[in-house]
Amino acid sequence: MLDTSLNISKPQQRTLHALAQGGRIIIERDERGNLVSAECVTRDGWTLADCDVSVFKSLKRKRLIASRAGRPYQITREGLVNLRSQLDNRTSVRGW
């Protein structure tokens, strides 16, 4: 069996979880086409603080997200395969 798992950081994992639940990454470019900002919006309309330009570029380079027909970026099949499952999609349950 071939192991295709990638080394994915916690901010990238959080972003992928938000995308897997229906979120989108919306990017903004300047007049020359350079990337200015990347914002992950959850399905509920909240903005994910962990998602920034570096996280966006890393996920795109690993082909875990993609844009189709000019729409906002969404998770790809490969992104879903590399997503580590969490019971409640929370980062931790410290303090219980």
PDB file of N, CA and C in Angstrom:
ATOM      1  N   MET A   1       0.839  -1.178   0.000  1.00  0.00           N
ATOM      2  CA  MET A   1       0.000   0.000   0.000  1.00  0.00           C
ATOM      3  C   MET A   1       0.881   1.237   0.000  1.00  0.00           C
ATOM      4  N   LEU A   2       0.546   2.216  -0.804  1.00  0.00           N
ATOM      5  CA  LEU A   2       1.321   3.433  -0.949  1.00  0.00           C
ATOM      6  C   LEU A   2       0.848   4.480   0.046  1.00  0.00           C
ATOM      7  N   ASP A   3       1.780   5.039   0.828  1.00  0.00           N
ATOM      8  CA  ASP A   3       1.450   6.079   1.794  1.00  0.00           C
ATOM      9  C   ASP A   3       1.592   7.438   1.127  1.00  0.00           C
ATOM     10  N   THR A   4       0.485   8.157   0.974  1.00  0.00           N
ATOM     11  CA  THR A   4       0.511   9.459   0.303  1.00  0.00           C
ATOM     12  C   THR A   4       0.232  10.601   1.263  1.00  0.00           C
ATOM     13  N   SER A   5       0.361  10.369   2.570  1.00  0.00           N
ATOM     14  CA  SER A   5       0.063  11.424   3.531  1.00  0.00           C
ATOM     15  C   SER A   5       1.121  12.522   3.465  1.00  0.00           C
ATOM     16  N   LEU A   6       0.680  13.731   3.668  1.00  0.00           N
ATOM     17  CA  LEU A   6       1.558  14.894   3.617  1.00  0.00           C
ATOM     18  C   LEU A   6       1.773  15.431   5.020  1.00  0.00           C
ATOM     19  N   ASN A   7       2.814  16.211   5.168  1.00  0.00           N
ATOM     20  CA  ASN A   7       3.078  16.884   6.414  1.00  0.00           C
ATOM     21  C   ASN A   7       2.292  18.193   6.409  1.00  0.00           C
ATOM     22  N   ILE A   8       1.226  18.264   7.198  1.00  0.00           N
ATOM     23  CA  ILE A   8       0.325  19.406   7.181  1.00  0.00           C
ATOM     24  C   ILE A   8       0.303  20.042   8.564  1.00  0.00           C
ATOM     25  N   SER A   9       0.536  21.354   8.630  1.00  0.00           N
ATOM     26  CA  SER A   9       0.579  22.069   9.904  1.00  0.00           C
ATOM     27  C   SER A   9      -0.820  22.230  10.497  1.00  0.00           C
ATOM     28  N   LYS A  10      -0.863  22.654  11.766  1.00  0.00           N
ATOM     29  CA  LYS A  10      -2.158  22.846  12.437  1.00  0.00           C
ATOM     30  C   LYS A  10      -3.020  23.917  11.768  1.00  0.00           C
ATOM     31  N   PRO A  11      -2.461  25.078  11.404  1.00  0.00           N
ATOM     32  CA  PRO A  11      -3.304  26.064  10.700  1.00  0.00           C
ATOM     33  C   PRO A  11      -3.846  25.521   9.373  1.00  0.00           C
ATOM     34  N   GLN A  12      -3.030  24.736   8.670  1.00  0.00           N
ATOM     35  CA  GLN A  12      -3.498  24.133   7.422  1.00  0.00           C
ATOM     36  C   GLN A  12      -4.599  23.119   7.702  1.00  0.00           C
ATOM     37  N   GLN A  13      -4.461  22.330   8.782  1.00  0.00           N
ATOM     38  CA  GLN A  13      -5.495  21.369   9.152  1.00  0.00           C
ATOM     39  C   GLN A  13      -6.802  22.080   9.481  1.00  0.00           C
ATOM     40  N   ARG A  14      -6.717  23.166  10.270  1.00  0.00           N
ATOM     41  CA  ARG A  14      -7.931  23.898  10.628  1.00  0.00           C
ATOM     42  C   ARG A  14      -8.627  24.462   9.381  1.00  0.00           C
ATOM     43  N   THR A  15      -7.827  24.975   8.460  1.00  0.00           N
ATOM     44  CA  THR A  15      -8.381  25.514   7.225  1.00  0.00           C
ATOM     45  C   THR A  15      -9.042  24.405   6.407  1.00  0.00           C
ATOM     46  N   LEU A  16      -8.379  23.256   6.290  1.00  0.00           N
ATOM     47  CA  LEU A  16      -8.965  22.133   5.549  1.00  0.00           C
ATOM     48  C   LEU A  16     -10.260  21.646   6.197  1.00  0.00           C
ATOM     49  N   HIS A  17     -10.317  21.622   7.528  1.00  0.00           N
ATOM     50  CA  HIS A  17     -11.551  21.205   8.212  1.00  0.00           C
ATOM     51  C   HIS A  17     -12.690  22.175   7.895  1.00  0.00           C
ATOM     52  N   ALA A  18     -12.386  23.474   7.905  1.00  0.00           N
ATOM     53  CA  ALA A  18     -13.418  24.473   7.582  1.00  0.00           C
ATOM     54  C   ALA A  18     -13.892  24.305   6.144  1.00  0.00           C
ATOM     55  N   LEU A  19     -12.960  24.028   5.228  1.00  0.00           N
ATOM     56  CA  LEU A  19     -13.326  23.834   3.826  1.00  0.00           C
ATOM     57  C   LEU A  19     -14.123  22.548   3.632  1.00  0.00           C
ATOM     58  N   ALA A  20     -13.762  21.501   4.364  1.00  0.00           N
ATOM     59  CA  ALA A  20     -14.475  20.222   4.245  1.00  0.00           C
ATOM     60  C   ALA A  20     -15.918  20.354   4.710  1.00  0.00           C
ATOM     61  N   GLN A  21     -16.170  21.302   5.599  1.00  0.00           N
ATOM     62  CA  GLN A  21     -17.529  21.501   6.105  1.00  0.00           C
ATOM     63  C   GLN A  21     -18.305  22.528   5.283  1.00  0.00           C
ATOM     64  N   GLY A  22     -17.766  22.940   4.150  1.00  0.00           N
ATOM     65  CA  GLY A  22     -18.502  23.845   3.267  1.00  0.00           C
ATOM     66  C   GLY A  22     -17.960  25.251   3.194  1.00  0.00           C
ATOM     67  N   GLY A  23     -16.792  25.505   3.765  1.00  0.00           N
ATOM     68  CA  GLY A  23     -16.200  26.835   3.726  1.00  0.00           C
ATOM     69  C   GLY A  23     -15.555  27.124   2.379  1.00  0.00           C
ATOM     70  N   ARG A  24     -15.110  28.361   2.207  1.00  0.00           N
ATOM     71  CA  ARG A  24     -14.476  28.801   0.968  1.00  0.00           C
ATOM     72  C   ARG A  24     -13.296  29.699   1.297  1.00  0.00           C
ATOM     73  N   ILE A  25     -12.291  29.714   0.425  1.00  0.00           N
ATOM     74  CA  ILE A  25     -11.200  30.671   0.537  1.00  0.00           C
ATOM     75  C   ILE A  25     -11.379  31.693  -0.575  1.00  0.00           C
ATOM     76  N   ILE A  26     -11.468  32.945  -0.171  1.00  0.00           N
ATOM     77  CA  ILE A  26     -11.641  34.038  -1.116  1.00  0.00           C
ATOM     78  C   ILE A  26     -10.336  34.818  -1.151  1.00  0.00           C
ATOM     79  N   ILE A  27      -9.786  34.994  -2.347  1.00  0.00           N
ATOM     80  CA  ILE A  27      -8.512  35.701  -2.478  1.00  0.00           C
ATOM     81  C   ILE A  27      -8.731  37.064  -3.094  1.00  0.00           C
ATOM     82  N   GLU A  28      -7.781  37.958  -2.830  1.00  0.00           N
ATOM     83  CA  GLU A  28      -7.813  39.296  -3.410  1.00  0.00           C
ATOM     84  C   GLU A  28      -6.463  39.541  -4.068  1.00  0.00           C
ATOM     85  N   ARG A  29      -6.508  40.068  -5.277  1.00  0.00           N
ATOM     86  CA  ARG A  29      -5.284  40.370  -6.027  1.00  0.00           C
ATOM     87  C   ARG A  29      -5.229  41.860  -6.329  1.00  0.00           C
ATOM     88  N   ASP A  30      -4.000  42.377  -6.493  1.00  0.00           N
ATOM     89  CA  ASP A  30      -3.848  43.780  -6.859  1.00  0.00           C
ATOM     90  C   ASP A  30      -3.977  43.933  -8.373  1.00  0.00           C
ATOM     91  N   GLU A  31      -3.775  45.166  -8.867  1.00  0.00           N
ATOM     92  CA  GLU A  31      -3.969  45.433 -10.298  1.00  0.00           C
ATOM     93  C   GLU A  31      -2.971  44.688 -11.187  1.00  0.00           C
ATOM     94  N   ARG A  32      -1.832  44.264 -10.633  1.00  0.00           N
ATOM     95  CA  ARG A  32      -0.847  43.496 -11.406  1.00  0.00           C
ATOM     96  C   ARG A  32      -1.067  41.988 -11.312  1.00  0.00           C
ATOM     97  N   GLY A  33      -2.044  41.574 -10.538  1.00  0.00           N
ATOM     98  CA  GLY A  33      -2.345  40.152 -10.412  1.00  0.00           C
ATOM     99  C   GLY A  33      -1.641  39.463  -9.266  1.00  0.00           C
ATOM    100  N   ASN A  34      -0.909  40.237  -8.438  1.00  0.00           N
ATOM    101  CA  ASN A  34      -0.225  39.651  -7.286  1.00  0.00           C
ATOM    102  C   ASN A  34      -1.206  39.414  -6.146  1.00  0.00           C
ATOM    103  N   LEU A  35      -1.003  38.326  -5.440  1.00  0.00           N
ATOM    104  CA  LEU A  35      -1.879  37.956  -4.327  1.00  0.00           C
ATOM    105  C   LEU A  35      -1.697  38.935  -3.172  1.00  0.00           C
ATOM    106  N   VAL A  36      -2.801  39.534  -2.712  1.00  0.00           N
ATOM    107  CA  VAL A  36      -2.761  40.504  -1.629  1.00  0.00           C
ATOM    108  C   VAL A  36      -3.245  39.865  -0.333  1.00  0.00           C
ATOM    109  N   SER A  37      -4.377  39.146  -0.392  1.00  0.00           N
ATOM    110  CA  SER A  37      -4.920  38.525   0.812  1.00  0.00           C
ATOM    111  C   SER A  37      -5.686  37.256   0.463  1.00  0.00           C
ATOM    112  N   ALA A  38      -5.771  36.379   1.456  1.00  0.00           N
ATOM    113  CA  ALA A  38      -6.552  35.151   1.336  1.00  0.00           C
ATOM    114  C   ALA A  38      -7.354  35.017   2.622  1.00  0.00           C
ATOM    115  N   GLU A  39      -8.649  34.833   2.488  1.00  0.00           N
ATOM    116  CA  GLU A  39      -9.541  34.786   3.644  1.00  0.00           C
ATOM    117  C   GLU A  39     -10.406  33.541   3.570  1.00  0.00           C
ATOM    118  N   CYS A  40     -10.373  32.733   4.635  1.00  0.00           N
ATOM    119  CA  CYS A  40     -11.213  31.537   4.693  1.00  0.00           C
ATOM    120  C   CYS A  40     -12.507  31.890   5.417  1.00  0.00           C
ATOM    121  N   VAL A  41     -13.612  31.687   4.744  1.00  0.00           N
ATOM    122  CA  VAL A  41     -14.923  31.962   5.310  1.00  0.00           C
ATOM    123  C   VAL A  41     -15.627  30.622   5.511  1.00  0.00           C
ATOM    124  N   THR A  42     -16.081  30.367   6.742  1.00  0.00           N
ATOM    125  CA  THR A  42     -16.755  29.107   7.038  1.00  0.00           C
ATOM    126  C   THR A  42     -18.152  29.108   6.435  1.00  0.00           C
ATOM    127  N   ARG A  43     -18.801  27.960   6.470  1.00  0.00           N
ATOM    128  CA  ARG A  43     -20.156  27.874   5.903  1.00  0.00           C
ATOM    129  C   ARG A  43     -21.145  28.749   6.670  1.00  0.00           C
ATOM    130  N   ASP A  44     -20.805  29.101   7.930  1.00  0.00           N
ATOM    131  CA  ASP A  44     -21.667  29.951   8.738  1.00  0.00           C
ATOM    132  C   ASP A  44     -21.380  31.437   8.562  1.00  0.00           C
ATOM    133  N   GLY A  45     -20.358  31.766   7.742  1.00  0.00           N
ATOM    134  CA  GLY A  45     -20.029  33.153   7.484  1.00  0.00           C
ATOM    135  C   GLY A  45     -18.935  33.727   8.360  1.00  0.00           C
ATOM    136  N   TRP A  46     -18.344  32.934   9.226  1.00  0.00           N
ATOM    137  CA  TRP A  46     -17.259  33.387  10.087  1.00  0.00           C
ATOM    138  C   TRP A  46     -15.944  33.357   9.325  1.00  0.00           C
ATOM    139  N   THR A  47     -15.021  34.230   9.700  1.00  0.00           N
ATOM    140  CA  THR A  47     -13.694  34.261   9.097  1.00  0.00           C
ATOM    141  C   THR A  47     -12.729  33.483   9.987  1.00  0.00           C
ATOM    142  N   LEU A  48     -11.965  32.593   9.390  1.00  0.00           N
ATOM    143  CA  LEU A  48     -10.993  31.785  10.110  1.00  0.00           C
ATOM    144  C   LEU A  48      -9.699  32.578  10.252  1.00  0.00           C
ATOM    145  N   ALA A  49      -9.254  32.810  11.492  1.00  0.00           N
ATOM    146  CA  ALA A  49      -8.068  33.628  11.741  1.00  0.00           C
ATOM    147  C   ALA A  49      -6.781  32.927  11.312  1.00  0.00           C
ATOM    148  N   ASP A  50      -6.754  31.595  11.302  1.00  0.00           N
ATOM    149  CA  ASP A  50      -5.542  30.840  10.966  1.00  0.00           C
ATOM    150  C   ASP A  50      -5.187  30.898   9.485  1.00  0.00           C
ATOM    151  N   CYS A  51      -6.126  31.220   8.651  1.00  0.00           N
ATOM    152  CA  CYS A  51      -5.886  31.194   7.212  1.00  0.00           C
ATOM    153  C   CYS A  51      -5.315  32.530   6.755  1.00  0.00           C
ATOM    154  N   ASP A  52      -4.090  32.475   6.230  1.00  0.00           N
ATOM    155  CA  ASP A  52      -3.465  33.667   5.674  1.00  0.00           C
ATOM    156  C   ASP A  52      -2.843  33.309   4.328  1.00  0.00           C
ATOM    157  N   VAL A  53      -2.112  34.223   3.752  1.00  0.00           N
ATOM    158  CA  VAL A  53      -1.542  34.012   2.412  1.00  0.00           C
ATOM    159  C   VAL A  53      -0.576  32.828   2.404  1.00  0.00           C
ATOM    160  N   SER A  54       0.239  32.680   3.454  1.00  0.00           N
ATOM    161  CA  SER A  54       1.203  31.575   3.481  1.00  0.00           C
ATOM    162  C   SER A  54       0.499  30.224   3.567  1.00  0.00           C
ATOM    163  N   VAL A  55      -0.566  30.122   4.361  1.00  0.00           N
ATOM    164  CA  VAL A  55      -1.335  28.877   4.457  1.00  0.00           C
ATOM    165  C   VAL A  55      -1.994  28.586   3.114  1.00  0.00           C
ATOM    166  N   PHE A  56      -2.569  29.614   2.496  1.00  0.00           N
ATOM    167  CA  PHE A  56      -3.205  29.450   1.199  1.00  0.00           C
ATOM    168  C   PHE A  56      -2.225  28.931   0.156  1.00  0.00           C
ATOM    169  N   LYS A  57      -1.046  29.575   0.071  1.00  0.00           N
ATOM    170  CA  LYS A  57      -0.051  29.167  -0.916  1.00  0.00           C
ATOM    171  C   LYS A  57       0.419  27.735  -0.685  1.00  0.00           C
ATOM    172  N   SER A  58       0.593  27.359   0.575  1.00  0.00           N
ATOM    173  CA  SER A  58       1.043  26.006   0.898  1.00  0.00           C
ATOM    174  C   SER A  58      -0.004  24.966   0.495  1.00  0.00           C
ATOM    175  N   LEU A  59      -1.272  25.232   0.802  1.00  0.00           N
ATOM    176  CA  LEU A  59      -2.344  24.292   0.447  1.00  0.00           C
ATOM    177  C   LEU A  59      -2.497  24.187  -1.062  1.00  0.00           C
ATOM    178  N   LYS A  60      -2.348  25.304  -1.752  1.00  0.00           N
ATOM    179  CA  LYS A  60      -2.460  25.294  -3.211  1.00  0.00           C
ATOM    180  C   LYS A  60      -1.290  24.537  -3.843  1.00  0.00           C
ATOM    181  N   ARG A  61      -0.074  24.761  -3.319  1.00  0.00           N
ATOM    182  CA  ARG A  61       1.112  24.079  -3.839  1.00  0.00           C
ATOM    183  C   ARG A  61       0.998  22.563  -3.652  1.00  0.00           C
ATOM    184  N   LYS A  62       0.393  22.137  -2.529  1.00  0.00           N
ATOM    185  CA  LYS A  62       0.211  20.706  -2.255  1.00  0.00           C
ATOM    186  C   LYS A  62      -1.004  20.129  -2.980  1.00  0.00           C
ATOM    187  N   ARG A  63      -1.727  20.993  -3.708  1.00  0.00           N
ATOM    188  CA  ARG A  63      -2.935  20.622  -4.464  1.00  0.00           C
ATOM    189  C   ARG A  63      -4.047  20.080  -3.562  1.00  0.00           C
ATOM    190  N   LEU A  64      -4.161  20.646  -2.371  1.00  0.00           N
ATOM    191  CA  LEU A  64      -5.218  20.258  -1.444  1.00  0.00           C
ATOM    192  C   LEU A  64      -6.448  21.145  -1.599  1.00  0.00           C
ATOM    193  N   ILE A  65      -6.281  22.271  -2.294  1.00  0.00           N
ATOM    194  CA  ILE A  65      -7.394  23.166  -2.613  1.00  0.00           C
ATOM    195  C   ILE A  65      -7.305  23.537  -4.083  1.00  0.00           C
ATOM    196  N   ALA A  66      -8.446  23.927  -4.653  1.00  0.00           N
ATOM    197  CA  ALA A  66      -8.470  24.334  -6.059  1.00  0.00           C
ATOM    198  C   ALA A  66      -9.677  25.234  -6.297  1.00  0.00           C
ATOM    199  N   SER A  67      -9.560  26.053  -7.327  1.00  0.00           N
ATOM    200  CA  SER A  67     -10.653  26.901  -7.764  1.00  0.00           C
ATOM    201  C   SER A  67     -11.128  26.384  -9.117  1.00  0.00           C
ATOM    202  N   ARG A  68     -12.420  26.305  -9.272  1.00  0.00           N
ATOM    203  CA  ARG A  68     -12.983  25.847 -10.538  1.00  0.00           C
ATOM    204  C   ARG A  68     -13.891  26.937 -11.113  1.00  0.00           C
ATOM    205  N   ALA A  69     -13.669  27.264 -12.373  1.00  0.00           N
ATOM    206  CA  ALA A  69     -14.500  28.234 -13.108  1.00  0.00           C
ATOM    207  C   ALA A  69     -14.547  29.599 -12.425  1.00  0.00           C
ATOM    208  N   GLY A  70     -13.425  30.042 -11.854  1.00  0.00           N
ATOM    209  CA  GLY A  70     -13.354  31.357 -11.250  1.00  0.00           C
ATOM    210  C   GLY A  70     -14.058  31.487  -9.909  1.00  0.00           C
ATOM    211  N   ARG A  71     -14.482  30.405  -9.340  1.00  0.00           N
ATOM    212  CA  ARG A  71     -15.158  30.426  -8.037  1.00  0.00           C
ATOM    213  C   ARG A  71     -14.137  30.465  -6.905  1.00  0.00           C
ATOM    214  N   PRO A  72     -14.595  30.705  -5.658  1.00  0.00           N
ATOM    215  CA  PRO A  72     -13.672  30.651  -4.516  1.00  0.00           C
ATOM    216  C   PRO A  72     -13.047  29.257  -4.375  1.00  0.00           C
ATOM    217  N   TYR A  73     -11.887  29.197  -3.726  1.00  0.00           N
ATOM    218  CA  TYR A  73     -11.167  27.935  -3.562  1.00  0.00           C
ATOM    219  C   TYR A  73     -11.904  27.004  -2.615  1.00  0.00           C
ATOM    220  N   GLN A  74     -11.928  25.721  -2.980  1.00  0.00           N
ATOM    221  CA  GLN A  74     -12.556  24.677  -2.182  1.00  0.00           C
ATOM    222  C   GLN A  74     -11.567  23.536  -1.998  1.00  0.00           C
ATOM    223  N   ILE A  75     -11.868  22.638  -1.081  1.00  0.00           N
ATOM    224  CA  ILE A  75     -11.024  21.473  -0.837  1.00  0.00           C
ATOM    225  C   ILE A  75     -11.155  20.489  -1.999  1.00  0.00           C
ATOM    226  N   THR A  76     -10.064  19.826  -2.352  1.00  0.00           N
ATOM    227  CA  THR A  76     -10.071  18.825  -3.418  1.00  0.00           C
ATOM    228  C   THR A  76     -10.198  17.432  -2.814  1.00  0.00           C
ATOM    229  N   ARG A  77     -10.346  16.426  -3.671  1.00  0.00           N
ATOM    230  CA  ARG A  77     -10.392  15.042  -3.184  1.00  0.00           C
ATOM    231  C   ARG A  77      -9.114  14.687  -2.438  1.00  0.00           C
ATOM    232  N   GLU A  78      -7.982  15.117  -2.981  1.00  0.00           N
ATOM    233  CA  GLU A  78      -6.704  14.848  -2.319  1.00  0.00           C
ATOM    234  C   GLU A  78      -6.658  15.526  -0.954  1.00  0.00           C
ATOM    235  N   GLY A  79      -7.243  16.704  -0.855  1.00  0.00           N
ATOM    236  CA  GLY A  79      -7.324  17.395   0.427  1.00  0.00           C
ATOM    237  C   GLY A  79      -8.153  16.622   1.427  1.00  0.00           C
ATOM    238  N   LEU A  80      -9.258  16.054   0.980  1.00  0.00           N
ATOM    239  CA  LEU A  80     -10.098  15.240   1.863  1.00  0.00           C
ATOM    240  C   LEU A  80      -9.378  13.984   2.322  1.00  0.00           C
ATOM    241  N   VAL A  81      -8.606  13.379   1.428  1.00  0.00           N
ATOM    242  CA  VAL A  81      -7.868  12.163   1.771  1.00  0.00           C
ATOM    243  C   VAL A  81      -6.805  12.465   2.825  1.00  0.00           C
ATOM    244  N   ASN A  82      -6.155  13.611   2.724  1.00  0.00           N
ATOM    245  CA  ASN A  82      -5.082  13.970   3.645  1.00  0.00           C
ATOM    246  C   ASN A  82      -5.565  14.647   4.918  1.00  0.00           C
ATOM    247  N   LEU A  83      -6.846  14.839   5.051  1.00  0.00           N
ATOM    248  CA  LEU A  83      -7.413  15.488   6.221  1.00  0.00           C
ATOM    249  C   LEU A  83      -7.454  14.508   7.380  1.00  0.00           C
ATOM    250  N   ARG A  84      -6.853  14.904   8.505  1.00  0.00           N
ATOM    251  CA  ARG A  84      -6.897  14.056   9.703  1.00  0.00           C
ATOM    252  C   ARG A  84      -8.228  14.301  10.399  1.00  0.00           C
ATOM    253  N   SER A  85      -8.932  13.237  10.696  1.00  0.00           N
ATOM    254  CA  SER A  85     -10.244  13.396  11.317  1.00  0.00           C
ATOM    255  C   SER A  85     -10.099  13.806  12.773  1.00  0.00           C
ATOM    256  N   GLN A  86     -11.045  14.601  13.221  1.00  0.00           N
ATOM    257  CA  GLN A  86     -11.138  15.007  14.614  1.00  0.00           C
ATOM    258  C   GLN A  86     -12.563  14.731  15.059  1.00  0.00           C
ATOM    259  N   LEU A  87     -12.728  14.332  16.322  1.00  0.00           N
ATOM    260  CA  LEU A  87     -14.053  13.982  16.802  1.00  0.00           C
ATOM    261  C   LEU A  87     -15.036  15.143  16.698  1.00  0.00           C
ATOM    262  N   ASP A  88     -14.633  16.308  17.154  1.00  0.00           N
ATOM    263  CA  ASP A  88     -15.554  17.436  17.143  1.00  0.00           C
ATOM    264  C   ASP A  88     -14.999  18.647  16.397  1.00  0.00           C
ATOM    265  N   ASN A  89     -13.892  18.477  15.674  1.00  0.00           N
ATOM    266  CA  ASN A  89     -13.252  19.545  14.905  1.00  0.00           C
ATOM    267  C   ASN A  89     -12.843  20.729  15.773  1.00  0.00           C
ATOM    268  N   ARG A  90     -12.530  20.465  17.018  1.00  0.00           N
ATOM    269  CA  ARG A  90     -12.005  21.495  17.907  1.00  0.00           C
ATOM    270  C   ARG A  90     -10.507  21.253  18.057  1.00  0.00           C
ATOM    271  N   THR A  91      -9.770  22.307  18.334  1.00  0.00           N
ATOM    272  CA  THR A  91      -8.324  22.153  18.443  1.00  0.00           C
ATOM    273  C   THR A  91      -7.930  21.425  19.714  1.00  0.00           C
ATOM    274  N   SER A  92      -8.610  21.667  20.815  1.00  0.00           N
ATOM    275  CA  SER A  92      -8.318  20.947  22.041  1.00  0.00           C
ATOM    276  C   SER A  92      -9.493  21.103  22.996  1.00  0.00           C
ATOM    277  N   VAL A  93      -9.487  20.292  24.036  1.00  0.00           N
ATOM    278  CA  VAL A  93     -10.552  20.339  25.033  1.00  0.00           C
ATOM    279  C   VAL A  93      -9.904  20.505  26.404  1.00  0.00           C
ATOM    280  N   ARG A  94      -8.894  21.353  26.456  1.00  0.00           N
ATOM    281  CA  ARG A  94      -8.190  21.576  27.721  1.00  0.00           C
ATOM    282  C   ARG A  94      -9.096  22.319  28.704  1.00  0.00           C
ATOM    283  N   GLY A  95      -8.871  22.035  29.990  1.00  0.00           N
ATOM    284  CA  GLY A  95      -9.613  22.722  31.012  1.00  0.00           C
ATOM    285  C   GLY A  95     -10.814  21.940  31.539  1.00  0.00           C
ATOM    286  N   TRP A  96     -11.020  20.740  31.036  1.00  0.00           N
ATOM    287  CA  TRP A  96     -12.138  19.942  31.524  1.00  0.00           C
ATOM    288  C   TRP A  96     -11.787  19.249  32.788  1.00  0.00           C
TER     289      TRP A  96
END
